[in-house]
Amino acid sequence: MKTQIILSEDIPALGHVGDIIEVSAGYARNHLFPLGKATPFSEEGIRAIQRAKEDAETRRLSLEAEHGALAKRLESLQLTYEERVNATGHLYGAVTAKRIADSLQEQGFDIPESHVRLAEPIRAAGEFEVPIHIHGDLNSNIKVWVLATETDEAMDLGEDDTESSEETAASSEAGAE
């Protein structure tokens, strides 16, 4: 048995505030009405929901404006990471979505790690465009620079390799005599 209800909240699977829909009586009685997500269909309910619908539309518009402003602020943002690299140019670590989200938090942006759409961790030096999910279908890109820095250990390892190859060459010459 179906019953008509008026939604009090936006419910993605059902509709927006003020929509008049039909759902099963049990779903309405046991879930939607107790949680305040819907009201029974009536003239009084329609008037009350109409006010709620106008308020919801105002909130939705203000949120869209906030999200648009956030997207523009993120577009101009650049993050720089200085990372140690090995002899072949690969990072010893990686720049991950969590590190980017933490850097954004430090900059005052409330972006969770799950909204940083990094396909895989960055493991090489260079310039990267990283998509950030803001809301709904609104996304923004930030520029991430990963700069390679040589460490003393890498330089020492390179010198050790040169010395050991010289020692090997000297010992092979000594063996040949």
C-alpha atoms as a PDB file:
ATOM      1  CA  MET A   1       0.000   0.000   0.000  1.00  0.00           C
ATOM      2  CA  LYS A   2       1.401   3.393  -1.010  1.00  0.00           C
ATOM      3  CA  THR A   3       0.924   6.683   0.781  1.00  0.00           C
ATOM      4  CA  GLN A   4       1.634  10.238  -0.316  1.00  0.00           C
ATOM      5  CA  ILE A   5       4.127  12.261   1.693  1.00  0.00           C
ATOM      6  CA  ILE A   6       5.845  15.634   1.470  1.00  0.00           C
ATOM      7  CA  LEU A   7       9.616  15.587   1.910  1.00  0.00           C
ATOM      8  CA  SER A   8      10.972  17.827   4.693  1.00  0.00           C
ATOM      9  CA  GLU A   9      14.620  17.226   3.731  1.00  0.00           C
ATOM     10  CA  ASP A  10      16.575  16.562   0.576  1.00  0.00           C
ATOM     11  CA  ILE A  11      16.915  12.799   0.238  1.00  0.00           C
ATOM     12  CA  PRO A  12      19.057  11.839  -2.765  1.00  0.00           C
ATOM     13  CA  ALA A  13      17.141   8.651  -3.580  1.00  0.00           C
ATOM     14  CA  LEU A  14      13.704  10.255  -3.211  1.00  0.00           C
ATOM     15  CA  GLY A  15      13.780  13.977  -4.020  1.00  0.00           C
ATOM     16  CA  HIS A  16      14.117  17.511  -2.674  1.00  0.00           C
ATOM     17  CA  VAL A  17      12.362  19.454   0.073  1.00  0.00           C
ATOM     18  CA  GLY A  18       8.699  20.015  -0.799  1.00  0.00           C
ATOM     19  CA  ASP A  19       8.417  17.207  -3.327  1.00  0.00           C
ATOM     20  CA  ILE A  20       5.215  15.180  -3.049  1.00  0.00           C
ATOM     21  CA  ILE A  21       6.038  11.506  -3.575  1.00  0.00           C
ATOM     22  CA  GLU A  22       4.521   8.110  -2.977  1.00  0.00           C
ATOM     23  CA  VAL A  23       6.293   5.606  -0.754  1.00  0.00           C
ATOM     24  CA  SER A  24       5.203   2.492   1.044  1.00  0.00           C
ATOM     25  CA  ALA A  25       3.183   3.149   4.189  1.00  0.00           C
ATOM     26  CA  GLY A  26       5.632   1.212   6.373  1.00  0.00           C
ATOM     27  CA  TYR A  27       8.648   3.163   5.127  1.00  0.00           C
ATOM     28  CA  ALA A  28       6.860   6.447   5.799  1.00  0.00           C
ATOM     29  CA  ARG A  29       5.499   5.408   9.206  1.00  0.00           C
ATOM     30  CA  ASN A  30       8.626   3.657  10.516  1.00  0.00           C
ATOM     31  CA  HIS A  31      11.442   5.705   9.015  1.00  0.00           C
ATOM     32  CA  LEU A  32      10.583   9.021   7.355  1.00  0.00           C
ATOM     33  CA  PHE A  33       8.028  10.400   9.848  1.00  0.00           C
ATOM     34  CA  PRO A  34       9.949   9.562  13.081  1.00  0.00           C
ATOM     35  CA  LEU A  35      13.177  11.069  11.722  1.00  0.00           C
ATOM     36  CA  GLY A  36      11.379  14.214  10.579  1.00  0.00           C
ATOM     37  CA  LYS A  37      12.356  13.685   6.955  1.00  0.00           C
ATOM     38  CA  ALA A  38       8.770  13.843   5.711  1.00  0.00           C
ATOM     39  CA  THR A  39       5.245  14.873   6.719  1.00  0.00           C
ATOM     40  CA  PRO A  40       1.919  13.358   5.738  1.00  0.00           C
ATOM     41  CA  PHE A  41       0.282  14.863   2.658  1.00  0.00           C
ATOM     42  CA  SER A  42      -2.212  17.572   3.664  1.00  0.00           C
ATOM     43  CA  GLU A  43      -2.979  21.231   2.918  1.00  0.00           C
ATOM     44  CA  GLU A  44      -1.384  22.303   6.215  1.00  0.00           C
ATOM     45  CA  GLY A  45       1.662  20.179   5.445  1.00  0.00           C
ATOM     46  CA  ILE A  46       1.964  21.772   2.003  1.00  0.00           C
ATOM     47  CA  ARG A  47       2.037  25.281   3.506  1.00  0.00           C
ATOM     48  CA  ALA A  48       4.629  24.321   6.117  1.00  0.00           C
ATOM     49  CA  ILE A  49       6.807  22.574   3.576  1.00  0.00           C
ATOM     50  CA  GLN A  50       6.556  25.491   1.146  1.00  0.00           C
ATOM     51  CA  ARG A  51       8.276  27.699   3.743  1.00  0.00           C
ATOM     52  CA  ALA A  52      10.880  25.016   4.359  1.00  0.00           C
ATOM     53  CA  LYS A  53      11.405  24.676   0.611  1.00  0.00           C
ATOM     54  CA  GLU A  54      12.105  28.405   0.260  1.00  0.00           C
ATOM     55  CA  ASP A  55      14.570  28.269   3.161  1.00  0.00           C
ATOM     56  CA  ALA A  56      16.274  25.223   1.662  1.00  0.00           C
ATOM     57  CA  GLU A  57      16.596  26.944  -1.719  1.00  0.00           C
ATOM     58  CA  THR A  58      18.184  29.980  -0.047  1.00  0.00           C
ATOM     59  CA  ARG A  59      20.660  27.731   1.790  1.00  0.00           C
ATOM     60  CA  ARG A  60      21.408  25.801  -1.406  1.00  0.00           C
ATOM     61  CA  LEU A  61      22.189  29.033  -3.281  1.00  0.00           C
ATOM     62  CA  SER A  62      24.443  30.326  -0.507  1.00  0.00           C
ATOM     63  CA  LEU A  63      26.282  26.978  -0.392  1.00  0.00           C
ATOM     64  CA  GLU A  64      26.780  27.082  -4.161  1.00  0.00           C
ATOM     65  CA  ALA A  65      28.263  30.571  -3.836  1.00  0.00           C
ATOM     66  CA  GLU A  66      30.576  29.407  -1.027  1.00  0.00           C
ATOM     67  CA  HIS A  67      31.675  26.361  -2.998  1.00  0.00           C
ATOM     68  CA  GLY A  68      32.314  28.476  -6.104  1.00  0.00           C
ATOM     69  CA  ALA A  69      34.474  30.879  -4.087  1.00  0.00           C
ATOM     70  CA  LEU A  70      36.363  27.930  -2.581  1.00  0.00           C
ATOM     71  CA  ALA A  71      36.967  26.509  -6.065  1.00  0.00           C
ATOM     72  CA  LYS A  72      38.439  29.820  -7.240  1.00  0.00           C
ATOM     73  CA  ARG A  73      40.687  30.062  -4.167  1.00  0.00           C
ATOM     74  CA  LEU A  74      41.919  26.505  -4.732  1.00  0.00           C
ATOM     75  CA  GLU A  75      42.630  27.148  -8.436  1.00  0.00           C
ATOM     76  CA  SER A  76      45.255  29.736  -7.490  1.00  0.00           C
ATOM     77  CA  LEU A  77      46.847  27.539  -4.807  1.00  0.00           C
ATOM     78  CA  GLN A  78      50.249  25.914  -5.294  1.00  0.00           C
ATOM     79  CA  LEU A  79      51.803  23.420  -2.907  1.00  0.00           C
ATOM     80  CA  THR A  80      55.525  22.671  -2.904  1.00  0.00           C
ATOM     81  CA  TYR A  81      57.197  19.610  -1.436  1.00  0.00           C
ATOM     82  CA  GLU A  82      60.969  19.118  -1.258  1.00  0.00           C
ATOM     83  CA  GLU A  83      61.758  15.434  -1.333  1.00  0.00           C
ATOM     84  CA  ARG A  84      64.892  13.332  -1.351  1.00  0.00           C
ATOM     85  CA  VAL A  85      65.473  11.354  -4.531  1.00  0.00           C
ATOM     86  CA  ASN A  86      67.634   8.414  -5.434  1.00  0.00           C
ATOM     87  CA  ALA A  87      70.145   8.337  -8.274  1.00  0.00           C
ATOM     88  CA  THR A  88      67.458   7.469 -10.842  1.00  0.00           C
ATOM     89  CA  GLY A  89      65.251  10.402  -9.817  1.00  0.00           C
ATOM     90  CA  HIS A  90      62.557   8.514  -7.906  1.00  0.00           C
ATOM     91  CA  LEU A  91      61.440   9.809  -4.528  1.00  0.00           C
ATOM     92  CA  TYR A  92      62.401   7.848  -1.466  1.00  0.00           C
ATOM     93  CA  GLY A  93      58.915   8.505  -0.135  1.00  0.00           C
ATOM     94  CA  ALA A  94      55.796   9.699  -1.890  1.00  0.00           C
ATOM     95  CA  VAL A  95      53.458  12.668  -1.898  1.00  0.00           C
ATOM     96  CA  THR A  96      50.106  11.122  -0.982  1.00  0.00           C
ATOM     97  CA  ALA A  97      46.534  12.378  -0.834  1.00  0.00           C
ATOM     98  CA  LYS A  98      46.849  12.495   2.965  1.00  0.00           C
ATOM     99  CA  ARG A  99      49.908  14.768   2.805  1.00  0.00           C
ATOM    100  CA  ILE A 100      48.140  17.065   0.359  1.00  0.00           C
ATOM    101  CA  ALA A 101      45.009  17.157   2.554  1.00  0.00           C
ATOM    102  CA  ASP A 102      47.170  17.937   5.607  1.00  0.00           C
ATOM    103  CA  SER A 103      48.888  20.765   3.714  1.00  0.00           C
ATOM    104  CA  LEU A 104      45.494  22.130   2.697  1.00  0.00           C
ATOM    105  CA  GLN A 105      44.386  21.993   6.355  1.00  0.00           C
ATOM    106  CA  GLU A 106      47.484  23.994   7.328  1.00  0.00           C
ATOM    107  CA  GLN A 107      46.579  26.579   4.669  1.00  0.00           C
ATOM    108  CA  GLY A 108      43.087  26.937   6.189  1.00  0.00           C
ATOM    109  CA  PHE A 109      41.095  24.805   3.721  1.00  0.00           C
ATOM    110  CA  ASP A 110      38.736  22.233   5.209  1.00  0.00           C
ATOM    111  CA  ILE A 111      39.273  19.543   2.576  1.00  0.00           C
ATOM    112  CA  PRO A 112      39.202  15.905   3.741  1.00  0.00           C
ATOM    113  CA  GLU A 113      41.640  13.355   2.342  1.00  0.00           C
ATOM    114  CA  SER A 114      38.861  11.573   0.443  1.00  0.00           C
ATOM    115  CA  HIS A 115      38.260  14.725  -1.629  1.00  0.00           C
ATOM    116  CA  VAL A 116      41.846  14.792  -2.923  1.00  0.00           C
ATOM    117  CA  ARG A 117      41.438  12.834  -6.169  1.00  0.00           C
ATOM    118  CA  LEU A 118      44.996  11.621  -6.577  1.00  0.00           C
ATOM    119  CA  ALA A 119      45.000   8.483  -8.753  1.00  0.00           C
ATOM    120  CA  GLU A 120      48.224   7.229  -7.203  1.00  0.00           C
ATOM    121  CA  PRO A 121      50.879   8.740  -4.936  1.00  0.00           C
ATOM    122  CA  ILE A 122      53.361  11.044  -6.625  1.00  0.00           C
ATOM    123  CA  ARG A 123      56.737   9.299  -6.718  1.00  0.00           C
ATOM    124  CA  ALA A 124      58.728  11.555  -9.060  1.00  0.00           C
ATOM    125  CA  ALA A 125      59.838  15.165  -9.081  1.00  0.00           C
ATOM    126  CA  GLY A 126      57.904  17.593 -11.267  1.00  0.00           C
ATOM    127  CA  GLU A 127      54.745  19.668 -11.590  1.00  0.00           C
ATOM    128  CA  PHE A 128      51.369  17.973 -11.142  1.00  0.00           C
ATOM    129  CA  GLU A 129      47.713  19.022 -11.407  1.00  0.00           C
ATOM    130  CA  VAL A 130      45.757  17.402  -8.582  1.00  0.00           C
ATOM    131  CA  PRO A 131      41.939  17.449  -8.761  1.00  0.00           C
ATOM    132  CA  ILE A 132      40.085  18.360  -5.566  1.00  0.00           C
ATOM    133  CA  HIS A 133      36.421  17.415  -5.177  1.00  0.00           C
ATOM    134  CA  ILE A 134      34.471  20.255  -3.585  1.00  0.00           C
ATOM    135  CA  HIS A 135      30.778  19.371  -3.716  1.00  0.00           C
ATOM    136  CA  GLY A 136      28.423  17.563  -6.051  1.00  0.00           C
ATOM    137  CA  ASP A 137      29.958  17.824  -9.502  1.00  0.00           C
ATOM    138  CA  LEU A 138      32.127  20.845  -8.631  1.00  0.00           C
ATOM    139  CA  ASN A 139      35.861  20.140  -8.765  1.00  0.00           C
ATOM    140  CA  SER A 140      38.967  22.297  -8.730  1.00  0.00           C
ATOM    141  CA  ASN A 141      42.622  21.653  -9.562  1.00  0.00           C
ATOM    142  CA  ILE A 142      45.603  22.640  -7.485  1.00  0.00           C
ATOM    143  CA  LYS A 143      49.184  22.716  -8.662  1.00  0.00           C
ATOM    144  CA  VAL A 144      51.619  20.523  -6.739  1.00  0.00           C
ATOM    145  CA  TRP A 145      55.344  20.995  -7.223  1.00  0.00           C
ATOM    146  CA  VAL A 146      57.657  18.209  -6.093  1.00  0.00           C
ATOM    147  CA  LEU A 147      61.249  19.419  -5.979  1.00  0.00           C
ATOM    148  CA  ALA A 148      64.135  16.961  -5.873  1.00  0.00           C
ATOM    149  CA  THR A 149      66.839  17.503  -3.302  1.00  0.00           C
ATOM    150  CA  GLU A 150      70.023  15.494  -3.148  1.00  0.00           C
ATOM    151  CA  THR A 151      71.060  14.309   0.247  1.00  0.00           C
ATOM    152  CA  ASP A 152      74.539  13.848   1.637  1.00  0.00           C
ATOM    153  CA  GLU A 153      73.804  10.125   1.829  1.00  0.00           C
ATOM    154  CA  ALA A 154      73.094   9.985  -1.914  1.00  0.00           C
ATOM    155  CA  MET A 155      76.312  11.860  -2.651  1.00  0.00           C
ATOM    156  CA  ASP A 156      78.262   9.601  -0.269  1.00  0.00           C
ATOM    157  CA  LEU A 157      76.815   6.513  -1.919  1.00  0.00           C
ATOM    158  CA  GLY A 158      77.864   7.820  -5.317  1.00  0.00           C
ATOM    159  CA  GLU A 159      81.419   8.456  -4.080  1.00  0.00           C
ATOM    160  CA  ASP A 160      81.576   5.014  -2.454  1.00  0.00           C
ATOM    161  CA  ASP A 161      80.542   3.410  -5.742  1.00  0.00           C
ATOM    162  CA  THR A 162      83.325   5.302  -7.564  1.00  0.00           C
ATOM    163  CA  GLU A 163      85.942   4.306  -4.972  1.00  0.00           C
ATOM    164  CA  SER A 164      84.884   0.655  -4.992  1.00  0.00           C
ATOM    165  CA  SER A 165      85.029   0.538  -8.811  1.00  0.00           C
ATOM    166  CA  GLU A 166      88.539   2.064  -8.685  1.00  0.00           C
ATOM    167  CA  GLU A 167      89.560  -0.506  -6.072  1.00  0.00           C
ATOM    168  CA  THR A 168      88.169  -3.295  -8.247  1.00  0.00           C
ATOM    169  CA  ALA A 169      90.074  -1.991 -11.262  1.00  0.00           C
ATOM    170  CA  ALA A 170      93.300  -1.727  -9.212  1.00  0.00           C
ATOM    171  CA  SER A 171      92.937  -5.227  -7.808  1.00  0.00           C
ATOM    172  CA  SER A 172      92.233  -6.689 -11.259  1.00  0.00           C
ATOM    173  CA  GLU A 173      95.379  -4.958 -12.590  1.00  0.00           C
ATOM    174  CA  ALA A 174      97.373  -6.332  -9.654  1.00  0.00           C
ATOM    175  CA  GLY A 175      96.014  -9.812 -10.365  1.00  0.00           C
ATOM    176  CA  ALA A 176      96.959  -9.527 -14.034  1.00  0.00           C
ATOM    177  CA  GLU A 177     100.626  -8.783 -13.187  1.00  0.00           C
END
